[in-house]
PDB file of N, CA and C in Angstrom:
ATOM      1  N   MET A   1     -92.989-271.890  45.868  1.00  0.00           N
ATOM      2  CA  MET A   1     -92.449-271.263  46.984  1.00  0.00           C
ATOM      3  C   MET A   1     -92.098-272.263  48.016  1.00  0.00           C
ATOM      4  N   ARG A   2     -91.071-271.852  48.666  1.00  0.00           N
ATOM      5  CA  ARG A   2     -90.559-272.744  49.777  1.00  0.00           C
ATOM      6  C   ARG A   2     -91.089-272.253  51.136  1.00  0.00           C
ATOM      7  N   SER A   3     -91.320-273.148  51.946  1.00  0.00           N
ATOM      8  CA  SER A   3     -91.705-272.727  53.282  1.00  0.00           C
ATOM      9  C   SER A   3     -90.755-273.455  54.294  1.00  0.00           C
ATOM     10  N   ASP A   4     -90.577-272.759  55.399  1.00  0.00           N
ATOM     11  CA  ASP A   4     -89.730-273.204  56.491  1.00  0.00           C
ATOM     12  C   ASP A   4     -90.507-274.280  57.209  1.00  0.00           C
ATOM     13  N   PRO A   5     -89.948-275.527  57.402  1.00  0.00           N
ATOM     14  CA  PRO A   5     -90.713-276.425  58.123  1.00  0.00           C
ATOM     15  C   PRO A   5     -90.948-275.999  59.540  1.00  0.00           C
ATOM     16  N   GLY A   6     -92.098-275.987  59.921  1.00  0.00           N
ATOM     17  CA  GLY A   6     -92.502-275.685  61.293  1.00  0.00           C
ATOM     18  C   GLY A   6     -92.752-274.221  61.536  1.00  0.00           C
ATOM     19  N   SER A   7     -92.401-273.284  60.652  1.00  0.00           N
ATOM     20  CA  SER A   7     -92.607-271.899  60.922  1.00  0.00           C
ATOM     21  C   SER A   7     -94.028-271.471  60.320  1.00  0.00           C
ATOM     22  N   GLY A   8     -94.328-272.013  59.219  1.00  0.00           N
ATOM     23  CA  GLY A   8     -95.574-271.684  58.621  1.00  0.00           C
ATOM     24  C   GLY A   8     -95.500-270.348  57.893  1.00  0.00           C
ATOM     25  N   VAL A   9     -94.319-269.740  57.770  1.00  0.00           N
ATOM     26  CA  VAL A   9     -94.127-268.402  57.107  1.00  0.00           C
ATOM     27  C   VAL A   9     -93.358-268.612  55.880  1.00  0.00           C
ATOM     28  N   ASP A  10     -93.731-267.961  54.858  1.00  0.00           N
ATOM     29  CA  ASP A  10     -93.018-268.030  53.548  1.00  0.00           C
ATOM     30  C   ASP A  10     -91.745-267.163  53.673  1.00  0.00           C
ATOM     31  N   PRO A  11     -90.503-267.718  53.402  1.00  0.00           N
ATOM     32  CA  PRO A  11     -89.309-266.983  53.576  1.00  0.00           C
ATOM     33  C   PRO A  11     -89.008-265.982  52.399  1.00  0.00           C
ATOM     34  N   ALA A  12     -89.692-266.027  51.331  1.00  0.00           N
ATOM     35  CA  ALA A  12     -89.503-265.132  50.199  1.00  0.00           C
ATOM     36  C   ALA A  12     -89.607-263.703  50.616  1.00  0.00           C
ATOM     37  N   PRO A  13     -90.690-263.238  51.258  1.00  0.00           N
ATOM     38  CA  PRO A  13     -90.743-261.750  51.542  1.00  0.00           C
ATOM     39  C   PRO A  13     -89.681-261.323  52.480  1.00  0.00           C
ATOM     40  N   ARG A  14     -89.207-262.181  53.380  1.00  0.00           N
ATOM     41  CA  ARG A  14     -88.131-261.883  54.299  1.00  0.00           C
ATOM     42  C   ARG A  14     -86.838-261.706  53.491  1.00  0.00           C
ATOM     43  N   GLN A  15     -86.575-262.457  52.499  1.00  0.00           N
ATOM     44  CA  GLN A  15     -85.363-262.376  51.643  1.00  0.00           C
ATOM     45  C   GLN A  15     -85.440-261.113  50.842  1.00  0.00           C
ATOM     46  N   GLN A  16     -86.614-260.823  50.326  1.00  0.00           N
ATOM     47  CA  GLN A  16     -86.757-259.541  49.600  1.00  0.00           C
ATOM     48  C   GLN A  16     -86.551-258.323  50.446  1.00  0.00           C
ATOM     49  N   GLN A  17     -87.016-258.431  51.688  1.00  0.00           N
ATOM     50  CA  GLN A  17     -86.801-257.317  52.663  1.00  0.00           C
ATOM     51  C   GLN A  17     -85.278-257.176  52.974  1.00  0.00           C
ATOM     52  N   LYS A  18     -84.540-258.292  53.159  1.00  0.00           N
ATOM     53  CA  LYS A  18     -83.137-258.248  53.392  1.00  0.00           C
ATOM     54  C   LYS A  18     -82.426-257.659  52.175  1.00  0.00           C
ATOM     55  N   ARG A  19     -82.843-258.129  50.994  1.00  0.00           N
ATOM     56  CA  ARG A  19     -82.232-257.613  49.785  1.00  0.00           C
ATOM     57  C   ARG A  19     -82.440-256.121  49.635  1.00  0.00           C
ATOM     58  N   SER A  20     -83.694-255.611  49.854  1.00  0.00           N
ATOM     59  CA  SER A  20     -83.950-254.205  49.724  1.00  0.00           C
ATOM     60  C   SER A  20     -83.228-253.402  50.753  1.00  0.00           C
ATOM     61  N   MET A  21     -82.993-253.937  51.965  1.00  0.00           N
ATOM     62  CA  MET A  21     -82.237-253.222  53.018  1.00  0.00           C
ATOM     63  C   MET A  21     -80.743-253.224  52.569  1.00  0.00           C
ATOM     64  N   SER A  22     -80.255-254.278  52.071  1.00  0.00           N
ATOM     65  CA  SER A  22     -78.832-254.323  51.510  1.00  0.00           C
ATOM     66  C   SER A  22     -78.690-253.376  50.365  1.00  0.00           C
ATOM     67  N   GLU A  23     -79.643-253.326  49.412  1.00  0.00           N
ATOM     68  CA  GLU A  23     -79.552-252.390  48.273  1.00  0.00           C
ATOM     69  C   GLU A  23     -79.632-250.918  48.881  1.00  0.00           C
ATOM     70  N   SER A  24     -80.458-250.722  49.823  1.00  0.00           N
ATOM     71  CA  SER A  24     -80.600-249.420  50.382  1.00  0.00           C
ATOM     72  C   SER A  24     -79.281-248.937  51.108  1.00  0.00           C
ATOM     73  N   LYS A  25     -78.667-249.916  51.869  1.00  0.00           N
ATOM     74  CA  LYS A  25     -77.421-249.639  52.446  1.00  0.00           C
ATOM     75  C   LYS A  25     -76.324-249.340  51.422  1.00  0.00           C
ATOM     76  N   ILE A  26     -76.280-250.134  50.386  1.00  0.00           N
ATOM     77  CA  ILE A  26     -75.328-249.981  49.292  1.00  0.00           C
ATOM     78  C   ILE A  26     -75.520-248.602  48.601  1.00  0.00           C
ATOM     79  N   LYS A  27     -76.758-248.229  48.345  1.00  0.00           N
ATOM     80  CA  LYS A  27     -76.993-246.946  47.781  1.00  0.00           C
ATOM     81  C   LYS A  27     -76.630-245.811  48.683  1.00  0.00           C
ATOM     82  N   THR A  28     -76.919-245.946  49.926  1.00  0.00           N
ATOM     83  CA  THR A  28     -76.531-244.914  50.917  1.00  0.00           C
ATOM     84  C   THR A  28     -75.044-244.776  51.005  1.00  0.00           C
ATOM     85  N   ILE A  29     -74.324-245.937  51.067  1.00  0.00           N
ATOM     86  CA  ILE A  29     -72.817-245.937  51.124  1.00  0.00           C
ATOM     87  C   ILE A  29     -72.287-245.349  49.833  1.00  0.00           C
ATOM     88  N   GLY A  30     -72.937-245.719  48.650  1.00  0.00           N
ATOM     89  CA  GLY A  30     -72.455-245.059  47.395  1.00  0.00           C
ATOM     90  C   GLY A  30     -72.636-243.661  47.354  1.00  0.00           C
ATOM     91  N   THR A  31     -73.780-243.128  47.918  1.00  0.00           N
ATOM     92  CA  THR A  31     -74.025-241.709  47.991  1.00  0.00           C
ATOM     93  C   THR A  31     -73.015-241.022  48.887  1.00  0.00           C
ATOM     94  N   LEU A  32     -72.744-241.632  49.978  1.00  0.00           N
ATOM     95  CA  LEU A  32     -71.833-241.046  50.886  1.00  0.00           C
ATOM     96  C   LEU A  32     -70.370-240.990  50.308  1.00  0.00           C
ATOM     97  N   VAL A  33     -70.000-242.090  49.653  1.00  0.00           N
ATOM     98  CA  VAL A  33     -68.704-242.106  49.030  1.00  0.00           C
ATOM     99  C   VAL A  33     -68.657-241.034  47.983  1.00  0.00           C
ATOM    100  N   SER A  34     -69.709-240.906  47.212  1.00  0.00           N
ATOM    101  CA  SER A  34     -69.690-239.874  46.123  1.00  0.00           C
ATOM    102  C   SER A  34     -69.579-238.470  46.769  1.00  0.00           C
ATOM    103  N   ILE A  35     -70.288-238.234  47.885  1.00  0.00           N
ATOM    104  CA  ILE A  35     -70.226-236.958  48.549  1.00  0.00           C
ATOM    105  C   ILE A  35     -68.838-236.636  49.131  1.00  0.00           C
ATOM    106  N   VAL A  36     -68.226-237.717  49.664  1.00  0.00           N
ATOM    107  CA  VAL A  36     -66.894-237.530  50.158  1.00  0.00           C
ATOM    108  C   VAL A  36     -65.888-237.250  49.074  1.00  0.00           C
ATOM    109  N   LEU A  37     -66.046-238.034  47.907  1.00  0.00           N
ATOM    110  CA  LEU A  37     -65.182-237.765  46.789  1.00  0.00           C
ATOM    111  C   LEU A  37     -65.335-236.394  46.224  1.00  0.00           C
ATOM    112  N   LEU A  38     -66.611-235.989  46.141  1.00  0.00           N
ATOM    113  CA  LEU A  38     -66.800-234.617  45.639  1.00  0.00           C
ATOM    114  C   LEU A  38     -66.204-233.541  46.573  1.00  0.00           C
ATOM    115  N   GLY A  39     -66.366-233.887  47.913  1.00  0.00           N
ATOM    116  CA  GLY A  39     -65.807-232.920  48.890  1.00  0.00           C
ATOM    117  C   GLY A  39     -64.275-232.862  48.761  1.00  0.00           C
ATOM    118  N   LEU A  40     -63.701-234.067  48.544  1.00  0.00           N
ATOM    119  CA  LEU A  40     -62.195-234.075  48.423  1.00  0.00           C
ATOM    120  C   LEU A  40     -61.800-233.321  47.111  1.00  0.00           C
ATOM    121  N   MET A  41     -62.577-233.588  46.036  1.00  0.00           N
ATOM    122  CA  MET A  41     -62.197-232.937  44.780  1.00  0.00           C
ATOM    123  C   MET A  41     -62.390-231.400  44.933  1.00  0.00           C
ATOM    124  N   ALA A  42     -63.415-230.996  45.626  1.00  0.00           N
ATOM    125  CA  ALA A  42     -63.644-229.536  45.846  1.00  0.00           C
ATOM    126  C   ALA A  42     -62.483-229.059  46.740  1.00  0.00           C
ATOM    127  N   GLY A  43     -62.048-229.814  47.674  1.00  0.00           N
ATOM    128  CA  GLY A  43     -60.926-229.348  48.538  1.00  0.00           C
ATOM    129  C   GLY A  43     -59.676-229.261  47.692  1.00  0.00           C
ATOM    130  N   CYS A  44     -59.466-230.190  46.834  1.00  0.00           N
ATOM    131  CA  CYS A  44     -58.274-230.146  45.969  1.00  0.00           C
ATOM    132  C   CYS A  44     -58.340-228.970  45.022  1.00  0.00           C
ATOM    133  N   ALA A  45     -59.509-228.723  44.491  1.00  0.00           N
ATOM    134  CA  ALA A  45     -59.739-227.600  43.588  1.00  0.00           C
ATOM    135  C   ALA A  45     -59.436-226.285  44.397  1.00  0.00           C
ATOM    136  N   THR A  46     -59.914-226.253  45.591  1.00  0.00           N
ATOM    137  CA  THR A  46     -59.706-225.098  46.430  1.00  0.00           C
ATOM    138  C   THR A  46     -58.251-224.890  46.637  1.00  0.00           C
ATOM    139  N   GLU A  47     -57.590-226.028  46.971  1.00  0.00           N
ATOM    140  CA  GLU A  47     -56.127-226.010  47.317  1.00  0.00           C
ATOM    141  C   GLU A  47     -55.370-225.569  45.979  1.00  0.00           C
ATOM    142  N   SER A  48     -55.779-226.129  44.856  1.00  0.00           N
ATOM    143  CA  SER A  48     -55.107-225.689  43.610  1.00  0.00           C
ATOM    144  C   SER A  48     -55.374-224.248  43.307  1.00  0.00           C
ATOM    145  N   ASP A  49     -56.593-223.845  43.625  1.00  0.00           N
ATOM    146  CA  ASP A  49     -56.866-222.359  43.399  1.00  0.00           C
ATOM    147  C   ASP A  49     -56.050-221.474  44.281  1.00  0.00           C
ATOM    148  N   LEU A  50     -55.857-222.016  45.468  1.00  0.00           N
ATOM    149  CA  LEU A  50     -54.982-221.165  46.384  1.00  0.00           C
ATOM    150  C   LEU A  50     -53.552-221.127  45.923  1.00  0.00           C
ATOM    151  N   GLU A  51     -53.110-222.278  45.431  1.00  0.00           N
ATOM    152  CA  GLU A  51     -51.733-222.338  44.924  1.00  0.00           C
ATOM    153  C   GLU A  51     -51.601-221.461  43.706  1.00  0.00           C
ATOM    154  N   ALA A  52     -52.618-221.444  42.780  1.00  0.00           N
ATOM    155  CA  ALA A  52     -52.552-220.612  41.638  1.00  0.00           C
ATOM    156  C   ALA A  52     -52.536-219.157  42.029  1.00  0.00           C
ATOM    157  N   LEU A  53     -53.353-218.805  43.059  1.00  0.00           N
ATOM    158  CA  LEU A  53     -53.382-217.429  43.551  1.00  0.00           C
ATOM    159  C   LEU A  53     -52.001-217.103  44.170  1.00  0.00           C
ATOM    160  N   ARG A  54     -51.416-218.002  44.944  1.00  0.00           N
ATOM    161  CA  ARG A  54     -50.119-217.710  45.501  1.00  0.00           C
ATOM    162  C   ARG A  54     -49.095-217.448  44.392  1.00  0.00           C
ATOM    163  N   GLN A  55     -49.126-218.227  43.336  1.00  0.00           N
ATOM    164  CA  GLN A  55     -48.255-217.976  42.258  1.00  0.00           C
ATOM    165  C   GLN A  55     -48.453-216.688  41.552  1.00  0.00           C
ATOM    166  N   GLU A  56     -49.692-216.259  41.385  1.00  0.00           N
ATOM    167  CA  GLU A  56     -50.042-214.993  40.811  1.00  0.00           C
ATOM    168  C   GLU A  56     -49.511-213.857  41.670  1.00  0.00           C
ATOM    169  N   VAL A  57     -49.773-214.033  43.041  1.00  0.00           N
ATOM    170  CA  VAL A  57     -49.262-212.968  43.927  1.00  0.00           C
ATOM    171  C   VAL A  57     -47.768-212.848  43.945  1.00  0.00           C
ATOM    172  N   SER A  58     -47.120-214.059  43.834  1.00  0.00           N
ATOM    173  CA  SER A  58     -45.660-214.034  43.763  1.00  0.00           C
ATOM    174  C   SER A  58     -45.156-213.379  42.488  1.00  0.00           C
ATOM    175  N   LYS A  59     -45.816-213.637  41.417  1.00  0.00           N
ATOM    176  CA  LYS A  59     -45.404-213.038  40.071  1.00  0.00           C
ATOM    177  C   LYS A  59     -45.678-211.547  40.194  1.00  0.00           C
ATOM    178  N   SER A  60     -46.776-211.166  40.766  1.00  0.00           N
ATOM    179  CA  SER A  60     -47.069-209.730  40.983  1.00  0.00           C
ATOM    180  C   SER A  60     -46.032-208.970  41.818  1.00  0.00           C
ATOM    181  N   GLN A  61     -45.609-209.714  42.902  1.00  0.00           N
ATOM    182  CA  GLN A  61     -44.576-209.107  43.753  1.00  0.00           C
ATOM    183  C   GLN A  61     -43.197-209.002  42.970  1.00  0.00           C
ATOM    184  N   GLU A  62     -42.871-209.999  42.173  1.00  0.00           N
ATOM    185  CA  GLU A  62     -41.677-209.974  41.357  1.00  0.00           C
ATOM    186  C   GLU A  62     -41.811-208.823  40.387  1.00  0.00           C
ATOM    187  N   MET A  63     -42.899-208.672  39.758  1.00  0.00           N
ATOM    188  CA  MET A  63     -43.085-207.556  38.793  1.00  0.00           C
ATOM    189  C   MET A  63     -42.986-206.219  39.486  1.00  0.00           C
ATOM    190  N   ALA A  64     -43.524-206.075  40.722  1.00  0.00           N
ATOM    191  CA  ALA A  64     -43.463-204.822  41.464  1.00  0.00           C
ATOM    192  C   ALA A  64     -41.972-204.503  41.821  1.00  0.00           C
ATOM    193  N   ARG A  65     -41.256-205.608  42.241  1.00  0.00           N
ATOM    194  CA  ARG A  65     -39.841-205.417  42.621  1.00  0.00           C
ATOM    195  C   ARG A  65     -39.072-204.969  41.384  1.00  0.00           C
ATOM    196  N   ALA A  66     -39.349-205.654  40.214  1.00  0.00           N
ATOM    197  CA  ALA A  66     -38.626-205.258  38.955  1.00  0.00           C
ATOM    198  C   ALA A  66     -38.912-203.763  38.567  1.00  0.00           C
ATOM    199  N   ALA A  67     -40.261-203.406  38.727  1.00  0.00           N
ATOM    200  CA  ALA A  67     -40.618-202.030  38.420  1.00  0.00           C
ATOM    201  C   ALA A  67     -39.935-201.011  39.367  1.00  0.00           C
ATOM    202  N   GLU A  68     -39.875-201.447  40.627  1.00  0.00           N
ATOM    203  CA  GLU A  68     -39.172-200.567  41.582  1.00  0.00           C
ATOM    204  C   GLU A  68     -37.709-200.431  41.209  1.00  0.00           C
ATOM    205  N   ALA A  69     -37.083-201.478  40.836  1.00  0.00           N
ATOM    206  CA  ALA A  69     -35.646-201.436  40.395  1.00  0.00           C
ATOM    207  C   ALA A  69     -35.464-200.608  39.188  1.00  0.00           C
ATOM    208  N   LYS A  70     -36.343-200.731  38.199  1.00  0.00           N
ATOM    209  CA  LYS A  70     -36.301-199.943  36.975  1.00  0.00           C
ATOM    210  C   LYS A  70     -36.567-198.409  37.331  1.00  0.00           C
ATOM    211  N   ALA A  71     -37.482-198.179  38.182  1.00  0.00           N
ATOM    212  CA  ALA A  71     -37.776-196.829  38.613  1.00  0.00           C
ATOM    213  C   ALA A  71     -36.535-196.213  39.316  1.00  0.00           C
ATOM    214  N   GLU A  72     -35.974-196.980  40.160  1.00  0.00           N
ATOM    215  CA  GLU A  72     -34.729-196.521  40.903  1.00  0.00           C
ATOM    216  C   GLU A  72     -33.634-196.190  39.923  1.00  0.00           C
ATOM    217  N   ALA A  73     -33.458-197.109  38.954  1.00  0.00           N
ATOM    218  CA  ALA A  73     -32.358-196.851  37.953  1.00  0.00           C
ATOM    219  C   ALA A  73     -32.698-195.644  37.124  1.00  0.00           C
ATOM    220  N   ALA A  74     -34.013-195.443  36.795  1.00  0.00           N
ATOM    221  CA  ALA A  74     -34.378-194.295  36.035  1.00  0.00           C
ATOM    222  C   ALA A  74     -34.138-192.937  36.830  1.00  0.00           C
ATOM    223  N   ARG A  75     -34.451-193.079  38.147  1.00  0.00           N
ATOM    224  CA  ARG A  75     -34.240-191.985  39.039  1.00  0.00           C
ATOM    225  C   ARG A  75     -32.756-191.556  39.055  1.00  0.00           C
ATOM    226  N   ALA A  76     -31.914-192.666  39.220  1.00  0.00           N
ATOM    227  CA  ALA A  76     -30.457-192.340  39.282  1.00  0.00           C
ATOM    228  C   ALA A  76     -30.020-191.737  37.945  1.00  0.00           C
ATOM    229  N   GLU A  77     -30.501-192.325  36.789  1.00  0.00           N
ATOM    230  CA  GLU A  77     -30.108-191.751  35.535  1.00  0.00           C
ATOM    231  C   GLU A  77     -30.601-190.278  35.436  1.00  0.00           C
ATOM    232  N   ALA A  78     -31.752-190.054  35.837  1.00  0.00           N
ATOM    233  CA  ALA A  78     -32.321-188.673  35.773  1.00  0.00           C
ATOM    234  C   ALA A  78     -31.476-187.705  36.619  1.00  0.00           C
ATOM    235  N   GLN A  79     -31.045-188.145  37.836  1.00  0.00           N
ATOM    236  CA  GLN A  79     -30.207-187.335  38.658  1.00  0.00           C
ATOM    237  C   GLN A  79     -28.880-187.027  37.960  1.00  0.00           C
ATOM    238  N   ALA A  80     -28.336-188.039  37.364  1.00  0.00           N
ATOM    239  CA  ALA A  80     -27.095-187.957  36.668  1.00  0.00           C
ATOM    240  C   ALA A  80     -27.247-186.971  35.508  1.00  0.00           C
ATOM    241  N   ALA A  81     -28.327-187.091  34.744  1.00  0.00           N
ATOM    242  CA  ALA A  81     -28.609-186.143  33.647  1.00  0.00           C
ATOM    243  C   ALA A  81     -28.771-184.773  34.089  1.00  0.00           C
ATOM    244  N   LYS A  82     -29.520-184.644  35.233  1.00  0.00           N
ATOM    245  CA  LYS A  82     -29.666-183.252  35.777  1.00  0.00           C
ATOM    246  C   LYS A  82     -28.349-182.688  36.163  1.00  0.00           C
ATOM    247  N   ALA A  83     -27.442-183.440  36.817  1.00  0.00           N
ATOM    248  CA  ALA A  83     -26.142-182.874  37.258  1.00  0.00           C
ATOM    249  C   ALA A  83     -25.323-182.491  35.981  1.00  0.00           C
ATOM    250  N   GLU A  84     -25.432-183.349  34.943  1.00  0.00           N
ATOM    251  CA  GLU A  84     -24.688-183.073  33.650  1.00  0.00           C
ATOM    252  C   GLU A  84     -25.276-181.787  32.975  1.00  0.00           C
ATOM    253  N   ALA A  85     -26.621-181.673  33.077  1.00  0.00           N
ATOM    254  CA  ALA A  85     -27.216-180.478  32.445  1.00  0.00           C
ATOM    255  C   ALA A  85     -26.872-179.200  33.226  1.00  0.00           C
ATOM    256  N   GLU A  86     -26.800-179.341  34.551  1.00  0.00           N
ATOM    257  CA  GLU A  86     -26.424-178.177  35.390  1.00  0.00           C
ATOM    258  C   GLU A  86     -24.949-177.807  35.140  1.00  0.00           C
ATOM    259  N   ARG A  87     -24.148-178.802  34.930  1.00  0.00           N
ATOM    260  CA  ARG A  87     -22.659-178.534  34.550  1.00  0.00           C
ATOM    261  C   ARG A  87     -22.633-177.919  33.194  1.00  0.00           C
ATOM    262  N   ALA A  88     -23.428-178.306  32.259  1.00  0.00           N
ATOM    263  CA  ALA A  88     -23.436-177.742  30.888  1.00  0.00           C
ATOM    264  C   ALA A  88     -23.957-176.346  30.933  1.00  0.00           C
ATOM    265  N   ILE A  89     -24.940-176.078  31.719  1.00  0.00           N
ATOM    266  CA  ILE A  89     -25.505-174.739  31.869  1.00  0.00           C
ATOM    267  C   ILE A  89     -24.411-173.781  32.446  1.00  0.00           C
ATOM    268  N   ALA A  90     -23.757-174.225  33.482  1.00  0.00           N
ATOM    269  CA  ALA A  90     -22.684-173.402  34.105  1.00  0.00           C
ATOM    270  C   ALA A  90     -21.635-173.104  33.110  1.00  0.00           C
ATOM    271  N   GLU A  91     -21.216-174.116  32.335  1.00  0.00           N
ATOM    272  CA  GLU A  91     -20.202-173.942  31.293  1.00  0.00           C
ATOM    273  C   GLU A  91     -20.651-173.043  30.178  1.00  0.00           C
ATOM    274  N   SER A  92     -21.907-173.081  29.825  1.00  0.00           N
ATOM    275  CA  SER A  92     -22.462-172.149  28.789  1.00  0.00           C
ATOM    276  C   SER A  92     -22.438-170.764  29.264  1.00  0.00           C
ATOM    277  N   ARG A  93     -22.825-170.569  30.540  1.00  0.00           N
ATOM    278  CA  ARG A  93     -22.803-169.216  31.154  1.00  0.00           C
ATOM    279  C   ARG A  93     -21.440-168.660  31.140  1.00  0.00           C
ATOM    280  N   LYS A  94     -20.432-169.508  31.478  1.00  0.00           N
ATOM    281  CA  LYS A  94     -19.048-169.010  31.461  1.00  0.00           C
ATOM    282  C   LYS A  94     -18.671-168.563  30.068  1.00  0.00           C
ATOM    283  N   ALA A  95     -19.101-169.467  29.110  1.00  0.00           N
ATOM    284  CA  ALA A  95     -18.748-169.132  27.710  1.00  0.00           C
ATOM    285  C   ALA A  95     -19.494-167.817  27.277  1.00  0.00           C
ATOM    286  N   ALA A  96     -20.673-167.640  27.681  1.00  0.00           N
ATOM    287  CA  ALA A  96     -21.422-166.450  27.311  1.00  0.00           C
ATOM    288  C   ALA A  96     -20.729-165.191  27.979  1.00  0.00           C
ATOM    289  N   ASP A  97     -20.308-165.398  29.260  1.00  0.00           N
ATOM    290  CA  ASP A  97     -19.607-164.281  29.949  1.00  0.00           C
ATOM    291  C   ASP A  97     -18.271-163.936  29.144  1.00  0.00           C
ATOM    292  N   SER A  98     -17.566-165.011  28.772  1.00  0.00           N
ATOM    293  CA  SER A  98     -16.314-164.828  27.991  1.00  0.00           C
ATOM    294  C   SER A  98     -16.581-164.084  26.723  1.00  0.00           C
ATOM    295  N   ALA A  99     -17.647-164.569  26.013  1.00  0.00           N
ATOM    296  CA  ALA A  99     -18.007-163.897  24.747  1.00  0.00           C
ATOM    297  C   ALA A  99     -18.309-162.408  24.995  1.00  0.00           C
ATOM    298  N   ALA A 100     -19.053-162.100  26.011  1.00  0.00           N
ATOM    299  CA  ALA A 100     -19.488-160.741  26.244  1.00  0.00           C
ATOM    300  C   ALA A 100     -18.223-159.884  26.599  1.00  0.00           C
ATOM    301  N   GLU A 101     -17.308-160.542  27.264  1.00  0.00           N
ATOM    302  CA  GLU A 101     -16.007-159.795  27.671  1.00  0.00           C
ATOM    303  C   GLU A 101     -15.252-159.613  26.388  1.00  0.00           C
ATOM    304  N   ALA A 102     -15.211-160.611  25.506  1.00  0.00           N
ATOM    305  CA  ALA A 102     -14.413-160.481  24.272  1.00  0.00           C
ATOM    306  C   ALA A 102     -15.040-159.435  23.386  1.00  0.00           C
ATOM    307  N   ALA A 103     -16.365-159.352  23.332  1.00  0.00           N
ATOM    308  CA  ALA A 103     -17.066-158.341  22.476  1.00  0.00           C
ATOM    309  C   ALA A 103     -16.777-156.971  23.021  1.00  0.00           C
ATOM    310  N   ASP A 104     -16.768-156.823  24.365  1.00  0.00           N
ATOM    311  CA  ASP A 104     -16.495-155.583  24.993  1.00  0.00           C
ATOM    312  C   ASP A 104     -15.060-155.073  24.656  1.00  0.00           C
ATOM    313  N   LYS A 105     -14.137-156.081  24.747  1.00  0.00           N
ATOM    314  CA  LYS A 105     -12.712-155.747  24.411  1.00  0.00           C
ATOM    315  C   LYS A 105     -12.626-155.413  22.902  1.00  0.00           C
ATOM    316  N   ALA A 106     -13.323-156.126  22.110  1.00  0.00           N
ATOM    317  CA  ALA A 106     -13.284-155.835  20.669  1.00  0.00           C
ATOM    318  C   ALA A 106     -13.828-154.478  20.358  1.00  0.00           C
ATOM    319  N   ARG A 107     -14.916-154.090  21.013  1.00  0.00           N
ATOM    320  CA  ARG A 107     -15.523-152.756  20.858  1.00  0.00           C
ATOM    321  C   ARG A 107     -14.529-151.647  21.317  1.00  0.00           C
ATOM    322  N   THR A 108     -13.846-151.911  22.470  1.00  0.00           N
ATOM    323  CA  THR A 108     -12.885-150.970  22.992  1.00  0.00           C
ATOM    324  C   THR A 108     -11.737-150.796  21.974  1.00  0.00           C
ATOM    325  N   ALA A 109     -11.300-151.966  21.497  1.00  0.00           N
ATOM    326  CA  ALA A 109     -10.163-151.936  20.513  1.00  0.00           C
ATOM    327  C   ALA A 109     -10.600-151.198  19.238  1.00  0.00           C
ATOM    328  N   SER A 110     -11.829-151.385  18.779  1.00  0.00           N
ATOM    329  CA  SER A 110     -12.317-150.781  17.551  1.00  0.00           C
ATOM    330  C   SER A 110     -12.428-149.262  17.780  1.00  0.00           C
ATOM    331  N   GLU A 111     -12.920-148.855  18.961  1.00  0.00           N
ATOM    332  CA  GLU A 111     -13.002-147.390  19.202  1.00  0.00           C
ATOM    333  C   GLU A 111     -11.600-146.773  19.256  1.00  0.00           C
ATOM    334  N   LYS A 112     -10.700-147.566  19.905  1.00  0.00           N
ATOM    335  CA  LYS A 112      -9.282-146.990  19.911  1.00  0.00           C
ATOM    336  C   LYS A 112      -8.650-146.875  18.576  1.00  0.00           C
ATOM    337  N   ALA A 113      -8.925-147.889  17.734  1.00  0.00           N
ATOM    338  CA  ALA A 113      -8.454-147.883  16.360  1.00  0.00           C
ATOM    339  C   ALA A 113      -9.039-146.712  15.575  1.00  0.00           C
ATOM    340  N   ASP A 114     -10.359-146.516  15.797  1.00  0.00           N
ATOM    341  CA  ASP A 114     -11.036-145.331  15.128  1.00  0.00           C
ATOM    342  C   ASP A 114     -10.478-143.971  15.539  1.00  0.00           C
ATOM    343  N   ARG A 115     -10.129-143.867  16.801  1.00  0.00           N
ATOM    344  CA  ARG A 115      -9.522-142.652  17.329  1.00  0.00           C
ATOM    345  C   ARG A 115      -8.158-142.422  16.745  1.00  0.00           C
ATOM    346  N   ILE A 116      -7.387-143.492  16.675  1.00  0.00           N
ATOM    347  CA  ILE A 116      -6.026-143.426  16.118  1.00  0.00           C
ATOM    348  C   ILE A 116      -6.086-142.974  14.638  1.00  0.00           C
ATOM    349  N   PHE A 117      -7.012-143.596  13.901  1.00  0.00           N
ATOM    350  CA  PHE A 117      -7.211-143.304  12.526  1.00  0.00           C
ATOM    351  C   PHE A 117      -7.626-141.887  12.311  1.00  0.00           C
ATOM    352  N   ARG A 118      -8.571-141.340  13.135  1.00  0.00           N
ATOM    353  CA  ARG A 118      -8.936-140.015  12.963  1.00  0.00           C
ATOM    354  C   ARG A 118      -7.906-138.992  13.338  1.00  0.00           C
ATOM    355  N   GLU A 119      -7.102-139.359  14.353  1.00  0.00           N
ATOM    356  CA  GLU A 119      -5.949-138.489  14.650  1.00  0.00           C
ATOM    357  C   GLU A 119      -4.904-138.482  13.543  1.00  0.00           C
ATOM    358  N   SER A 120      -4.750-139.582  12.873  1.00  0.00           N
ATOM    359  CA  SER A 120      -3.862-139.609  11.828  1.00  0.00           C
ATOM    360  C   SER A 120      -4.308-138.814  10.617  1.00  0.00           C
ATOM    361  N   LEU A 121      -5.601-138.694  10.407  1.00  0.00           N
ATOM    362  CA  LEU A 121      -6.170-137.927   9.359  1.00  0.00           C
ATOM    363  C   LEU A 121      -5.944-136.438   9.593  1.00  0.00           C
ATOM    364  N   ARG A 122      -6.001-136.006  10.843  1.00  0.00           N
ATOM    365  CA  ARG A 122      -5.822-134.659  11.172  1.00  0.00           C
ATOM    366  C   ARG A 122      -4.416-134.143  10.958  1.00  0.00           C
ATOM    367  N   LYS A 123      -3.471-134.966  10.975  1.00  0.00           N
ATOM    368  CA  LYS A 123      -2.130-134.548  10.862  1.00  0.00           C
ATOM    369  C   LYS A 123      -1.705-134.387   9.436  1.00  0.00           C
TER     370      LYS A 123
END
C-alpha cells in the first residue's frame, strides 16, 4: 500500500470511496435514463394508441355516413316503389270498374237477346 508522504493516511480507502460514489452516481443516472426512456416509450405508446383510436373513430364515422347514404337511397327507392304501387292499384281499380261495367253491359245485352228470342218464339 502506498501512503501519502506527510499525511500518514492510506489513500486506498479514499479511492474506494470515490469509486463507490462514482458507481453509485452512474447507477442513479442509469436508472434515471431508464425511467425517462420508459416514460417516453409509454408516451409514444399512448400517442400511438390515441392515433389508432382516432383512426378507428374515423372509420366508424365513414361507415356511419355510408350506412346513412344507403339508408337514404333505400328510403328513396321505397318511396318510388310505393308511388308505383299506388299507381298500379289505381290502374287495377279502373280495370276492375271497367270489367264490372262490361259485365253489366253484357248481362243487359244477354237479357235483351233473350227477350228478343222469346218474342220471336211467340210469333
